[in-house]
């Protein structure tokens, strides 16, 4: 994530078409996170976005060449799971989520790399 003129945006890469770049037009991190809500689902079509963590400064991993290495960077993922997360939805809301419709599911997979 990044900020421009006080607004949040995101650079992203995913196998799902909707989980991509966001222009820096979101006033809060919650707004930015919620912009991903409809596109954040699993292969069973279940909406899975529940929370987000505050941004972290990745310069601590620069000595490991995190931006260019072909090696797995599990240390980044391990740090992310230890951070406090902000809930986006309540348990009551989760119970009423509908599954993603077939058309939206198919659209989200456009350009997806098949897993080997």
PDB file of N, CA and C in Angstrom:
ATOM      1  N   UNK A   1       0.842  -1.185   0.000  1.00  0.00           N
ATOM      2  CA  UNK A   1       0.000   0.000   0.000  1.00  0.00           C
ATOM      3  C   UNK A   1       0.880   1.238   0.000  1.00  0.00           C
ATOM      4  N   UNK A   2       0.323   2.337  -0.423  1.00  0.00           N
ATOM      5  CA  UNK A   2       1.054   3.593  -0.456  1.00  0.00           C
ATOM      6  C   UNK A   2       0.074   4.754  -0.321  1.00  0.00           C
ATOM      7  N   UNK A   3       0.613   5.945  -0.030  1.00  0.00           N
ATOM      8  CA  UNK A   3      -0.213   7.141   0.115  1.00  0.00           C
ATOM      9  C   UNK A   3       0.240   8.225  -0.842  1.00  0.00           C
ATOM     10  N   UNK A   4      -0.728   8.934  -1.423  1.00  0.00           N
ATOM     11  CA  UNK A   4      -0.487  10.101  -2.250  1.00  0.00           C
ATOM     12  C   UNK A   4      -1.505  11.146  -1.833  1.00  0.00           C
ATOM     13  N   UNK A   5      -1.026  12.314  -1.468  1.00  0.00           N
ATOM     14  CA  UNK A   5      -1.917  13.405  -1.031  1.00  0.00           C
ATOM     15  C   UNK A   5      -2.887  12.958   0.056  1.00  0.00           C
ATOM     16  N   UNK A   6      -2.412  12.113   0.963  1.00  0.00           N
ATOM     17  CA  UNK A   6      -3.222  11.677   2.093  1.00  0.00           C
ATOM     18  C   UNK A   6      -4.175  10.536   1.807  1.00  0.00           C
ATOM     19  N   UNK A   7      -4.205  10.043   0.577  1.00  0.00           N
ATOM     20  CA  UNK A   7      -5.118   8.946   0.225  1.00  0.00           C
ATOM     21  C   UNK A   7      -4.329   7.667  -0.034  1.00  0.00           C
ATOM     22  N   UNK A   8      -4.970   6.547   0.272  1.00  0.00           N
ATOM     23  CA  UNK A   8      -4.335   5.228   0.161  1.00  0.00           C
ATOM     24  C   UNK A   8      -4.624   4.582  -1.187  1.00  0.00           C
ATOM     25  N   UNK A   9      -3.613   3.887  -1.705  1.00  0.00           N
ATOM     26  CA  UNK A   9      -3.731   3.075  -2.905  1.00  0.00           C
ATOM     27  C   UNK A   9      -2.966   1.782  -2.682  1.00  0.00           C
ATOM     28  N   UNK A  10      -2.970   0.900  -3.664  1.00  0.00           N
ATOM     29  CA  UNK A  10      -2.285  -0.380  -3.495  1.00  0.00           C
ATOM     30  C   UNK A  10      -1.722  -0.863  -4.820  1.00  0.00           C
ATOM     31  N   UNK A  11      -0.574  -1.499  -4.726  1.00  0.00           N
ATOM     32  CA  UNK A  11       0.017  -2.224  -5.843  1.00  0.00           C
ATOM     33  C   UNK A  11      -0.191  -3.689  -5.509  1.00  0.00           C
ATOM     34  N   UNK A  12      -0.718  -4.467  -6.414  1.00  0.00           N
ATOM     35  CA  UNK A  12      -1.036  -5.855  -6.087  1.00  0.00           C
ATOM     36  C   UNK A  12      -0.899  -6.755  -7.308  1.00  0.00           C
ATOM     37  N   UNK A  13      -0.639  -8.014  -7.034  1.00  0.00           N
ATOM     38  CA  UNK A  13      -0.564  -9.056  -8.076  1.00  0.00           C
ATOM     39  C   UNK A  13      -1.252 -10.287  -7.527  1.00  0.00           C
ATOM     40  N   UNK A  14      -2.131 -10.858  -8.297  1.00  0.00           N
ATOM     41  CA  UNK A  14      -2.872 -12.030  -7.864  1.00  0.00           C
ATOM     42  C   UNK A  14      -3.328 -12.819  -9.077  1.00  0.00           C
ATOM     43  N   UNK A  15      -3.686 -14.068  -8.858  1.00  0.00           N
ATOM     44  CA  UNK A  15      -4.294 -14.872  -9.914  1.00  0.00           C
ATOM     45  C   UNK A  15      -5.754 -14.478 -10.144  1.00  0.00           C
ATOM     46  N   UNK A  16      -6.325 -13.708  -9.250  1.00  0.00           N
ATOM     47  CA  UNK A  16      -7.708 -13.261  -9.391  1.00  0.00           C
ATOM     48  C   UNK A  16      -7.715 -11.885 -10.038  1.00  0.00           C
ATOM     49  N   UNK A  17      -8.524 -11.700 -11.062  1.00  0.00           N
ATOM     50  CA  UNK A  17      -8.523 -10.470 -11.853  1.00  0.00           C
ATOM     51  C   UNK A  17      -8.816  -9.224 -11.014  1.00  0.00           C
ATOM     52  N   UNK A  18      -9.680  -9.313 -10.029  1.00  0.00           N
ATOM     53  CA  UNK A  18     -10.062  -8.141  -9.246  1.00  0.00           C
ATOM     54  C   UNK A  18      -9.086  -7.750  -8.154  1.00  0.00           C
ATOM     55  N   UNK A  19      -8.154  -8.627  -7.826  1.00  0.00           N
ATOM     56  CA  UNK A  19      -7.198  -8.336  -6.754  1.00  0.00           C
ATOM     57  C   UNK A  19      -5.950  -7.699  -7.340  1.00  0.00           C
ATOM     58  N   UNK A  20      -6.119  -6.540  -7.885  1.00  0.00           N
ATOM     59  CA  UNK A  20      -5.044  -5.833  -8.567  1.00  0.00           C
ATOM     60  C   UNK A  20      -4.869  -4.442  -7.974  1.00  0.00           C
ATOM     61  N   UNK A  21      -4.196  -3.599  -8.737  1.00  0.00           N
ATOM     62  CA  UNK A  21      -3.867  -2.224  -8.394  1.00  0.00           C
ATOM     63  C   UNK A  21      -5.105  -1.422  -7.964  1.00  0.00           C
ATOM     64  N   UNK A  22      -4.917  -0.520  -7.025  1.00  0.00           N
ATOM     65  CA  UNK A  22      -5.947   0.440  -6.643  1.00  0.00           C
ATOM     66  C   UNK A  22      -5.338   1.839  -6.684  1.00  0.00           C
ATOM     67  N   UNK A  23      -6.034   2.752  -7.337  1.00  0.00           N
ATOM     68  CA  UNK A  23      -5.603   4.151  -7.364  1.00  0.00           C
ATOM     69  C   UNK A  23      -5.657   4.721  -5.940  1.00  0.00           C
ATOM     70  N   UNK A  24      -4.803   5.686  -5.630  1.00  0.00           N
ATOM     71  CA  UNK A  24      -4.806   6.267  -4.277  1.00  0.00           C
ATOM     72  C   UNK A  24      -5.933   7.278  -4.081  1.00  0.00           C
ATOM     73  N   UNK A  25      -7.146   6.749  -3.937  1.00  0.00           N
ATOM     74  CA  UNK A  25      -8.329   7.594  -3.752  1.00  0.00           C
ATOM     75  C   UNK A  25      -9.083   7.258  -2.461  1.00  0.00           C
ATOM     76  N   UNK A  26      -8.562   6.334  -1.666  1.00  0.00           N
ATOM     77  CA  UNK A  26      -9.255   5.864  -0.474  1.00  0.00           C
ATOM     78  C   UNK A  26      -8.774   6.641   0.750  1.00  0.00           C
ATOM     79  N   UNK A  27      -9.724   7.223   1.496  1.00  0.00           N
ATOM     80  CA  UNK A  27      -9.373   8.075   2.633  1.00  0.00           C
ATOM     81  C   UNK A  27      -8.814   7.300   3.809  1.00  0.00           C
ATOM     82  N   UNK A  28      -9.213   6.041   3.961  1.00  0.00           N
ATOM     83  CA  UNK A  28      -8.750   5.228   5.088  1.00  0.00           C
ATOM     84  C   UNK A  28      -8.294   3.864   4.582  1.00  0.00           C
ATOM     85  N   UNK A  29      -7.518   3.184   5.425  1.00  0.00           N
ATOM     86  CA  UNK A  29      -7.118   1.816   5.078  1.00  0.00           C
ATOM     87  C   UNK A  29      -8.326   0.897   5.012  1.00  0.00           C
ATOM     88  N   UNK A  30      -9.325   1.154   5.850  1.00  0.00           N
ATOM     89  CA  UNK A  30     -10.535   0.331   5.807  1.00  0.00           C
ATOM     90  C   UNK A  30     -11.232   0.474   4.458  1.00  0.00           C
ATOM     91  N   UNK A  31     -11.356   1.701   3.964  1.00  0.00           N
ATOM     92  CA  UNK A  31     -11.962   1.911   2.640  1.00  0.00           C
ATOM     93  C   UNK A  31     -11.193   1.134   1.572  1.00  0.00           C
ATOM     94  N   UNK A  32      -9.873   1.223   1.610  1.00  0.00           N
ATOM     95  CA  UNK A  32      -9.051   0.496   0.643  1.00  0.00           C
ATOM     96  C   UNK A  32      -9.288  -1.002   0.751  1.00  0.00           C
ATOM     97  N   UNK A  33      -9.259  -1.538   1.966  1.00  0.00           N
ATOM     98  CA  UNK A  33      -9.480  -2.973   2.155  1.00  0.00           C
ATOM     99  C   UNK A  33     -10.859  -3.383   1.646  1.00  0.00           C
ATOM    100  N   UNK A  34     -11.878  -2.599   1.949  1.00  0.00           N
ATOM    101  CA  UNK A  34     -13.234  -2.949   1.518  1.00  0.00           C
ATOM    102  C   UNK A  34     -13.396  -2.896  -0.003  1.00  0.00           C
ATOM    103  N   UNK A  35     -12.525  -2.145  -0.695  1.00  0.00           N
ATOM    104  CA  UNK A  35     -12.612  -2.115  -2.161  1.00  0.00           C
ATOM    105  C   UNK A  35     -12.278  -3.487  -2.757  1.00  0.00           C
ATOM    106  N   UNK A  36     -11.644  -4.340  -1.961  1.00  0.00           N
ATOM    107  CA  UNK A  36     -11.306  -5.692  -2.405  1.00  0.00           C
ATOM    108  C   UNK A  36     -12.377  -6.723  -2.007  1.00  0.00           C
ATOM    109  N   UNK A  37     -13.373  -6.346  -1.232  1.00  0.00           N
ATOM    110  CA  UNK A  37     -14.296  -7.314  -0.645  1.00  0.00           C
ATOM    111  C   UNK A  37     -14.945  -8.246  -1.671  1.00  0.00           C
ATOM    112  N   UNK A  38     -15.543  -7.689  -2.712  1.00  0.00           N
ATOM    113  CA  UNK A  38     -16.262  -8.533  -3.680  1.00  0.00           C
ATOM    114  C   UNK A  38     -15.339  -9.426  -4.502  1.00  0.00           C
ATOM    115  N   UNK A  39     -14.073  -9.063  -4.585  1.00  0.00           N
ATOM    116  CA  UNK A  39     -13.119  -9.840  -5.397  1.00  0.00           C
ATOM    117  C   UNK A  39     -12.305 -10.822  -4.570  1.00  0.00           C
ATOM    118  N   UNK A  40     -12.533 -10.853  -3.276  1.00  0.00           N
ATOM    119  CA  UNK A  40     -11.713 -11.661  -2.374  1.00  0.00           C
ATOM    120  C   UNK A  40     -12.504 -12.907  -1.987  1.00  0.00           C
ATOM    121  N   UNK A  41     -12.231 -14.003  -2.690  1.00  0.00           N
ATOM    122  CA  UNK A  41     -12.979 -15.245  -2.464  1.00  0.00           C
ATOM    123  C   UNK A  41     -12.077 -16.436  -2.751  1.00  0.00           C
ATOM    124  N   UNK A  42     -12.514 -17.585  -2.292  1.00  0.00           N
ATOM    125  CA  UNK A  42     -11.728 -18.806  -2.530  1.00  0.00           C
ATOM    126  C   UNK A  42     -12.297 -19.577  -3.726  1.00  0.00           C
ATOM    127  N   UNK A  43     -11.686 -20.706  -4.022  1.00  0.00           N
ATOM    128  CA  UNK A  43     -12.116 -21.484  -5.191  1.00  0.00           C
ATOM    129  C   UNK A  43     -13.472 -22.153  -5.002  1.00  0.00           C
ATOM    130  N   UNK A  44     -13.993 -22.125  -3.775  1.00  0.00           N
ATOM    131  CA  UNK A  44     -15.349 -22.621  -3.538  1.00  0.00           C
ATOM    132  C   UNK A  44     -16.380 -21.508  -3.722  1.00  0.00           C
ATOM    133  N   UNK A  45     -15.917 -20.289  -4.087  1.00  0.00           N
ATOM    134  CA  UNK A  45     -16.828 -19.166  -4.296  1.00  0.00           C
ATOM    135  C   UNK A  45     -17.267 -18.498  -3.006  1.00  0.00           C
ATOM    136  N   UNK A  46     -16.573 -18.779  -1.906  1.00  0.00           N
ATOM    137  CA  UNK A  46     -16.917 -18.193  -0.613  1.00  0.00           C
ATOM    138  C   UNK A  46     -16.146 -16.886  -0.427  1.00  0.00           C
ATOM    139  N   UNK A  47     -16.844 -15.847   0.009  1.00  0.00           N
ATOM    140  CA  UNK A  47     -16.195 -14.563   0.278  1.00  0.00           C
ATOM    141  C   UNK A  47     -15.361 -14.722   1.547  1.00  0.00           C
ATOM    142  N   UNK A  48     -14.089 -14.364   1.474  1.00  0.00           N
ATOM    143  CA  UNK A  48     -13.177 -14.700   2.565  1.00  0.00           C
ATOM    144  C   UNK A  48     -12.482 -13.514   3.228  1.00  0.00           C
ATOM    145  N   UNK A  49     -12.705 -12.292   2.771  1.00  0.00           N
ATOM    146  CA  UNK A  49     -12.045 -11.151   3.392  1.00  0.00           C
ATOM    147  C   UNK A  49     -12.673 -10.876   4.755  1.00  0.00           C
ATOM    148  N   UNK A  50     -11.850 -10.895   5.784  1.00  0.00           N
ATOM    149  CA  UNK A  50     -12.333 -10.724   7.156  1.00  0.00           C
ATOM    150  C   UNK A  50     -11.682  -9.564   7.894  1.00  0.00           C
ATOM    151  N   UNK A  51     -10.403  -9.307   7.611  1.00  0.00           N
ATOM    152  CA  UNK A  51      -9.658  -8.303   8.369  1.00  0.00           C
ATOM    153  C   UNK A  51      -8.446  -7.836   7.574  1.00  0.00           C
ATOM    154  N   UNK A  52      -7.774  -6.831   8.099  1.00  0.00           N
ATOM    155  CA  UNK A  52      -6.529  -6.364   7.494  1.00  0.00           C
ATOM    156  C   UNK A  52      -5.576  -5.935   8.597  1.00  0.00           C
ATOM    157  N   UNK A  53      -4.301  -5.925   8.264  1.00  0.00           N
ATOM    158  CA  UNK A  53      -3.272  -5.456   9.195  1.00  0.00           C
ATOM    159  C   UNK A  53      -2.799  -4.084   8.738  1.00  0.00           C
ATOM    160  N   UNK A  54      -2.258  -3.338   9.654  1.00  0.00           N
ATOM    161  CA  UNK A  54      -1.677  -2.043   9.313  1.00  0.00           C
ATOM    162  C   UNK A  54      -0.492  -2.258   8.365  1.00  0.00           C
ATOM    163  N   UNK A  55      -0.151  -1.240   7.566  1.00  0.00           N
ATOM    164  CA  UNK A  55       0.995  -1.382   6.657  1.00  0.00           C
ATOM    165  C   UNK A  55       2.295  -1.630   7.428  1.00  0.00           C
ATOM    166  N   UNK A  56       3.188  -2.369   6.799  1.00  0.00           N
ATOM    167  CA  UNK A  56       4.502  -2.596   7.391  1.00  0.00           C
ATOM    168  C   UNK A  56       5.561  -2.026   6.459  1.00  0.00           C
ATOM    169  N   UNK A  57       6.660  -1.605   7.054  1.00  0.00           N
ATOM    170  CA  UNK A  57       7.773  -1.069   6.287  1.00  0.00           C
ATOM    171  C   UNK A  57       8.678  -2.236   5.893  1.00  0.00           C
ATOM    172  N   UNK A  58       8.714  -2.548   4.618  1.00  0.00           N
ATOM    173  CA  UNK A  58       9.469  -3.701   4.141  1.00  0.00           C
ATOM    174  C   UNK A  58      10.959  -3.446   3.995  1.00  0.00           C
ATOM    175  N   UNK A  59      11.427  -2.245   4.312  1.00  0.00           N
ATOM    176  CA  UNK A  59      12.865  -1.982   4.203  1.00  0.00           C
ATOM    177  C   UNK A  59      13.660  -2.887   5.128  1.00  0.00           C
ATOM    178  N   UNK A  60      13.040  -3.409   6.180  1.00  0.00           N
ATOM    179  CA  UNK A  60      13.753  -4.332   7.069  1.00  0.00           C
ATOM    180  C   UNK A  60      14.192  -5.603   6.346  1.00  0.00           C
ATOM    181  N   UNK A  61      13.597  -5.881   5.184  1.00  0.00           N
ATOM    182  CA  UNK A  61      13.953  -7.066   4.405  1.00  0.00           C
ATOM    183  C   UNK A  61      14.844  -6.742   3.206  1.00  0.00           C
ATOM    184  N   UNK A  62      15.252  -5.484   3.079  1.00  0.00           N
ATOM    185  CA  UNK A  62      16.072  -5.086   1.923  1.00  0.00           C
ATOM    186  C   UNK A  62      17.365  -5.885   1.820  1.00  0.00           C
ATOM    187  N   UNK A  63      17.989  -6.189   2.944  1.00  0.00           N
ATOM    188  CA  UNK A  63      19.255  -6.930   2.902  1.00  0.00           C
ATOM    189  C   UNK A  63      19.058  -8.344   2.348  1.00  0.00           C
ATOM    190  N   UNK A  64      17.803  -8.806   2.298  1.00  0.00           N
ATOM    191  CA  UNK A  64      17.488 -10.123   1.741  1.00  0.00           C
ATOM    192  C   UNK A  64      17.038 -10.014   0.286  1.00  0.00           C
ATOM    193  N   UNK A  65      17.120  -8.787  -0.269  1.00  0.00           N
ATOM    194  CA  UNK A  65      16.708  -8.541  -1.663  1.00  0.00           C
ATOM    195  C   UNK A  65      15.285  -9.023  -1.936  1.00  0.00           C
ATOM    196  N   UNK A  66      14.383  -8.709  -1.028  1.00  0.00           N
ATOM    197  CA  UNK A  66      13.013  -9.202  -1.110  1.00  0.00           C
ATOM    198  C   UNK A  66      12.305  -8.821  -2.406  1.00  0.00           C
ATOM    199  N   UNK A  67      12.693  -7.717  -3.023  1.00  0.00           N
ATOM    200  CA  UNK A  67      12.006  -7.273  -4.235  1.00  0.00           C
ATOM    201  C   UNK A  67      12.417  -8.055  -5.475  1.00  0.00           C
ATOM    202  N   UNK A  68      13.596  -8.672  -5.457  1.00  0.00           N
ATOM    203  CA  UNK A  68      14.092  -9.308  -6.674  1.00  0.00           C
ATOM    204  C   UNK A  68      14.422 -10.784  -6.528  1.00  0.00           C
ATOM    205  N   UNK A  69      14.398 -11.298  -5.328  1.00  0.00           N
ATOM    206  CA  UNK A  69      14.785 -12.695  -5.132  1.00  0.00           C
ATOM    207  C   UNK A  69      13.752 -13.657  -5.713  1.00  0.00           C
ATOM    208  N   UNK A  70      14.237 -14.790  -6.171  1.00  0.00           N
ATOM    209  CA  UNK A  70      13.345 -15.860  -6.615  1.00  0.00           C
ATOM    210  C   UNK A  70      13.049 -16.820  -5.465  1.00  0.00           C
ATOM    211  N   UNK A  71      13.710 -16.609  -4.341  1.00  0.00           N
ATOM    212  CA  UNK A  71      13.530 -17.464  -3.171  1.00  0.00           C
ATOM    213  C   UNK A  71      12.241 -17.092  -2.428  1.00  0.00           C
ATOM    214  N   UNK A  72      11.596 -18.056  -1.795  1.00  0.00           N
ATOM    215  CA  UNK A  72      10.415 -17.737  -0.985  1.00  0.00           C
ATOM    216  C   UNK A  72      10.784 -16.777   0.148  1.00  0.00           C
ATOM    217  N   UNK A  73       9.904 -15.865   0.447  1.00  0.00           N
ATOM    218  CA  UNK A  73      10.129 -14.886   1.511  1.00  0.00           C
ATOM    219  C   UNK A  73       9.143 -15.140   2.655  1.00  0.00           C
ATOM    220  N   UNK A  74       9.223 -16.334   3.237  1.00  0.00           N
ATOM    221  CA  UNK A  74       8.295 -16.712   4.297  1.00  0.00           C
ATOM    222  C   UNK A  74       8.391 -15.793   5.497  1.00  0.00           C
ATOM    223  N   UNK A  75       9.552 -15.147   5.683  1.00  0.00           N
ATOM    224  CA  UNK A  75       9.708 -14.239   6.825  1.00  0.00           C
ATOM    225  C   UNK A  75       8.710 -13.083   6.738  1.00  0.00           C
ATOM    226  N   UNK A  76       8.367 -12.648   5.542  1.00  0.00           N
ATOM    227  CA  UNK A  76       7.387 -11.579   5.389  1.00  0.00           C
ATOM    228  C   UNK A  76       5.998 -12.097   5.779  1.00  0.00           C
ATOM    229  N   UNK A  77       5.636 -13.260   5.286  1.00  0.00           N
ATOM    230  CA  UNK A  77       4.337 -13.852   5.634  1.00  0.00           C
ATOM    231  C   UNK A  77       4.250 -14.117   7.137  1.00  0.00           C
ATOM    232  N   UNK A  78       5.340 -14.610   7.723  1.00  0.00           N
ATOM    233  CA  UNK A  78       5.341 -14.884   9.167  1.00  0.00           C
ATOM    234  C   UNK A  78       5.156 -13.604   9.971  1.00  0.00           C
ATOM    235  N   UNK A  79       5.774 -12.515   9.526  1.00  0.00           N
ATOM    236  CA  UNK A  79       5.574 -11.232  10.203  1.00  0.00           C
ATOM    237  C   UNK A  79       4.116 -10.798  10.092  1.00  0.00           C
ATOM    238  N   UNK A  80       3.549 -10.940   8.918  1.00  0.00           N
ATOM    239  CA  UNK A  80       2.179 -10.473   8.694  1.00  0.00           C
ATOM    240  C   UNK A  80       1.155 -11.185   9.574  1.00  0.00           C
ATOM    241  N   UNK A  81       1.346 -12.475   9.822  1.00  0.00           N
ATOM    242  CA  UNK A  81       0.371 -13.186  10.665  1.00  0.00           C
ATOM    243  C   UNK A  81       0.510 -12.823  12.141  1.00  0.00           C
ATOM    244  N   UNK A  82       1.640 -12.260  12.528  1.00  0.00           N
ATOM    245  CA  UNK A  82       1.814 -11.877  13.928  1.00  0.00           C
ATOM    246  C   UNK A  82       1.264 -10.487  14.231  1.00  0.00           C
ATOM    247  N   UNK A  83       0.989  -9.708  13.202  1.00  0.00           N
ATOM    248  CA  UNK A  83       0.508  -8.342  13.405  1.00  0.00           C
ATOM    249  C   UNK A  83      -0.944  -8.329  13.871  1.00  0.00           C
ATOM    250  N   UNK A  84      -1.303  -7.331  14.676  1.00  0.00           N
ATOM    251  CA  UNK A  84      -2.722  -7.173  15.017  1.00  0.00           C
ATOM    252  C   UNK A  84      -3.521  -6.857  13.752  1.00  0.00           C
ATOM    253  N   UNK A  85      -4.699  -7.416  13.657  1.00  0.00           N
ATOM    254  CA  UNK A  85      -5.569  -7.189  12.506  1.00  0.00           C
ATOM    255  C   UNK A  85      -6.831  -6.445  12.926  1.00  0.00           C
ATOM    256  N   UNK A  86      -7.362  -5.656  11.998  1.00  0.00           N
ATOM    257  CA  UNK A  86      -8.594  -4.903  12.205  1.00  0.00           C
ATOM    258  C   UNK A  86      -9.719  -5.660  11.509  1.00  0.00           C
ATOM    259  N   UNK A  87     -10.757  -5.998  12.258  1.00  0.00           N
ATOM    260  CA  UNK A  87     -11.900  -6.712  11.663  1.00  0.00           C
ATOM    261  C   UNK A  87     -12.662  -5.805  10.711  1.00  0.00           C
ATOM    262  N   UNK A  88     -13.108  -6.375   9.623  1.00  0.00           N
ATOM    263  CA  UNK A  88     -13.911  -5.649   8.641  1.00  0.00           C
ATOM    264  C   UNK A  88     -15.383  -6.004   8.716  1.00  0.00           C
ATOM    265  N   UNK A  89     -15.672  -7.190   9.211  1.00  0.00           N
ATOM    266  CA  UNK A  89     -17.053  -7.684   9.254  1.00  0.00           C
ATOM    267  C   UNK A  89     -17.300  -8.386  10.584  1.00  0.00           C
ATOM    268  N   UNK A  90     -18.559  -8.448  10.959  1.00  0.00           N
ATOM    269  CA  UNK A  90     -18.935  -9.134  12.203  1.00  0.00           C
ATOM    270  C   UNK A  90     -19.274 -10.599  11.908  1.00  0.00           C
ATOM    271  N   UNK A  91     -19.336 -11.400  12.952  1.00  0.00           N
ATOM    272  CA  UNK A  91     -19.728 -12.802  12.788  1.00  0.00           C
ATOM    273  C   UNK A  91     -21.123 -12.920  12.194  1.00  0.00           C
ATOM    274  N   UNK A  92     -22.039 -12.030  12.591  1.00  0.00           N
ATOM    275  CA  UNK A  92     -23.402 -12.049  12.037  1.00  0.00           C
ATOM    276  C   UNK A  92     -23.376 -11.785  10.530  1.00  0.00           C
ATOM    277  N   UNK A  93     -22.538 -10.852  10.114  1.00  0.00           N
ATOM    278  CA  UNK A  93     -22.436 -10.557   8.690  1.00  0.00           C
ATOM    279  C   UNK A  93     -21.871 -11.756   7.932  1.00  0.00           C
ATOM    280  N   UNK A  94     -20.848 -12.378   8.494  1.00  0.00           N
ATOM    281  CA  UNK A  94     -20.224 -13.530   7.835  1.00  0.00           C
ATOM    282  C   UNK A  94     -21.251 -14.624   7.590  1.00  0.00           C
ATOM    283  N   UNK A  95     -22.115 -14.859   8.559  1.00  0.00           N
ATOM    284  CA  UNK A  95     -23.142 -15.891   8.436  1.00  0.00           C
ATOM    285  C   UNK A  95     -24.145 -15.627   7.329  1.00  0.00           C
ATOM    286  N   UNK A  96     -24.247 -14.376   6.891  1.00  0.00           N
ATOM    287  CA  UNK A  96     -25.230 -14.062   5.853  1.00  0.00           C
ATOM    288  C   UNK A  96     -24.603 -13.831   4.479  1.00  0.00           C
ATOM    289  N   UNK A  97     -23.300 -14.054   4.356  1.00  0.00           N
ATOM    290  CA  UNK A  97     -22.649 -13.868   3.061  1.00  0.00           C
ATOM    291  C   UNK A  97     -23.195 -14.858   2.039  1.00  0.00           C
ATOM    292  N   UNK A  98     -23.438 -14.360   0.849  1.00  0.00           N
ATOM    293  CA  UNK A  98     -23.822 -15.258  -0.249  1.00  0.00           C
ATOM    294  C   UNK A  98     -22.565 -15.733  -0.956  1.00  0.00           C
ATOM    295  N   UNK A  99     -22.692 -16.869  -1.622  1.00  0.00           N
ATOM    296  CA  UNK A  99     -21.585 -17.339  -2.447  1.00  0.00           C
ATOM    297  C   UNK A  99     -21.512 -16.466  -3.687  1.00  0.00           C
ATOM    298  N   UNK A 100     -20.327 -16.402  -4.252  1.00  0.00           N
ATOM    299  CA  UNK A 100     -20.131 -15.637  -5.464  1.00  0.00           C
ATOM    300  C   UNK A 100     -20.902 -16.315  -6.598  1.00  0.00           C
ATOM    301  N   UNK A 101     -21.564 -15.526  -7.443  1.00  0.00           N
ATOM    302  CA  UNK A 101     -22.290 -16.122  -8.560  1.00  0.00           C
ATOM    303  C   UNK A 101     -21.294 -16.646  -9.595  1.00  0.00           C
ATOM    304  N   UNK A 102     -21.738 -17.597 -10.408  1.00  0.00           N
ATOM    305  CA  UNK A 102     -20.859 -18.284 -11.360  1.00  0.00           C
ATOM    306  C   UNK A 102     -20.208 -17.332 -12.360  1.00  0.00           C
ATOM    307  N   UNK A 103     -20.948 -16.335 -12.802  1.00  0.00           N
ATOM    308  CA  UNK A 103     -20.409 -15.391 -13.792  1.00  0.00           C
ATOM    309  C   UNK A 103     -19.279 -14.550 -13.198  1.00  0.00           C
ATOM    310  N   UNK A 104     -19.471 -14.034 -11.982  1.00  0.00           N
ATOM    311  CA  UNK A 104     -18.428 -13.247 -11.321  1.00  0.00           C
ATOM    312  C   UNK A 104     -17.215 -14.117 -11.012  1.00  0.00           C
ATOM    313  N   UNK A 105     -17.479 -15.356 -10.601  1.00  0.00           N
ATOM    314  CA  UNK A 105     -16.386 -16.285 -10.315  1.00  0.00           C
ATOM    315  C   UNK A 105     -15.537 -16.511 -11.564  1.00  0.00           C
ATOM    316  N   UNK A 106     -16.182 -16.787 -12.682  1.00  0.00           N
ATOM    317  CA  UNK A 106     -15.471 -17.020 -13.939  1.00  0.00           C
ATOM    318  C   UNK A 106     -14.707 -15.771 -14.376  1.00  0.00           C
ATOM    319  N   UNK A 107     -15.318 -14.598 -14.232  1.00  0.00           N
ATOM    320  CA  UNK A 107     -14.659 -13.343 -14.611  1.00  0.00           C
ATOM    321  C   UNK A 107     -13.417 -13.111 -13.762  1.00  0.00           C
ATOM    322  N   UNK A 108     -13.493 -13.441 -12.497  1.00  0.00           N
ATOM    323  CA  UNK A 108     -12.347 -13.260 -11.602  1.00  0.00           C
ATOM    324  C   UNK A 108     -11.168 -14.135 -11.943  1.00  0.00           C
ATOM    325  N   UNK A 109     -11.428 -15.240 -12.623  1.00  0.00           N
ATOM    326  CA  UNK A 109     -10.351 -16.178 -12.970  1.00  0.00           C
ATOM    327  C   UNK A 109      -9.731 -15.917 -14.342  1.00  0.00           C
ATOM    328  N   UNK A 110     -10.220 -14.897 -15.046  1.00  0.00           N
ATOM    329  CA  UNK A 110      -9.650 -14.574 -16.358  1.00  0.00           C
ATOM    330  C   UNK A 110      -8.170 -14.262 -16.192  1.00  0.00           C
ATOM    331  N   UNK A 111      -7.339 -14.931 -16.959  1.00  0.00           N
ATOM    332  CA  UNK A 111      -5.899 -14.712 -16.906  1.00  0.00           C
ATOM    333  C   UNK A 111      -5.191 -15.478 -15.801  1.00  0.00           C
ATOM    334  N   UNK A 112      -5.917 -16.311 -15.092  1.00  0.00           N
ATOM    335  CA  UNK A 112      -5.341 -17.067 -13.972  1.00  0.00           C
ATOM    336  C   UNK A 112      -4.313 -18.065 -14.478  1.00  0.00           C
ATOM    337  N   UNK A 113      -3.195 -18.114 -13.766  1.00  0.00           N
ATOM    338  CA  UNK A 113      -2.181 -19.126 -14.067  1.00  0.00           C
ATOM    339  C   UNK A 113      -2.584 -20.409 -13.383  1.00  0.00           C
ATOM    340  N   UNK A 114      -2.626 -21.477 -14.135  1.00  0.00           N
ATOM    341  CA  UNK A 114      -2.967 -22.775 -13.552  1.00  0.00           C
ATOM    342  C   UNK A 114      -1.862 -23.225 -12.608  1.00  0.00           C
ATOM    343  N   UNK A 115      -2.238 -23.763 -11.472  1.00  0.00           N
ATOM    344  CA  UNK A 115      -1.266 -24.265 -10.506  1.00  0.00           C
ATOM    345  C   UNK A 115      -0.792 -25.650 -10.936  1.00  0.00           C
ATOM    346  N   UNK A 116       0.496 -25.862 -10.864  1.00  0.00           N
ATOM    347  CA  UNK A 116       1.063 -27.146 -11.271  1.00  0.00           C
ATOM    348  C   UNK A 116       1.261 -28.024 -10.057  1.00  0.00           C
TER     349      UNK A 116
END
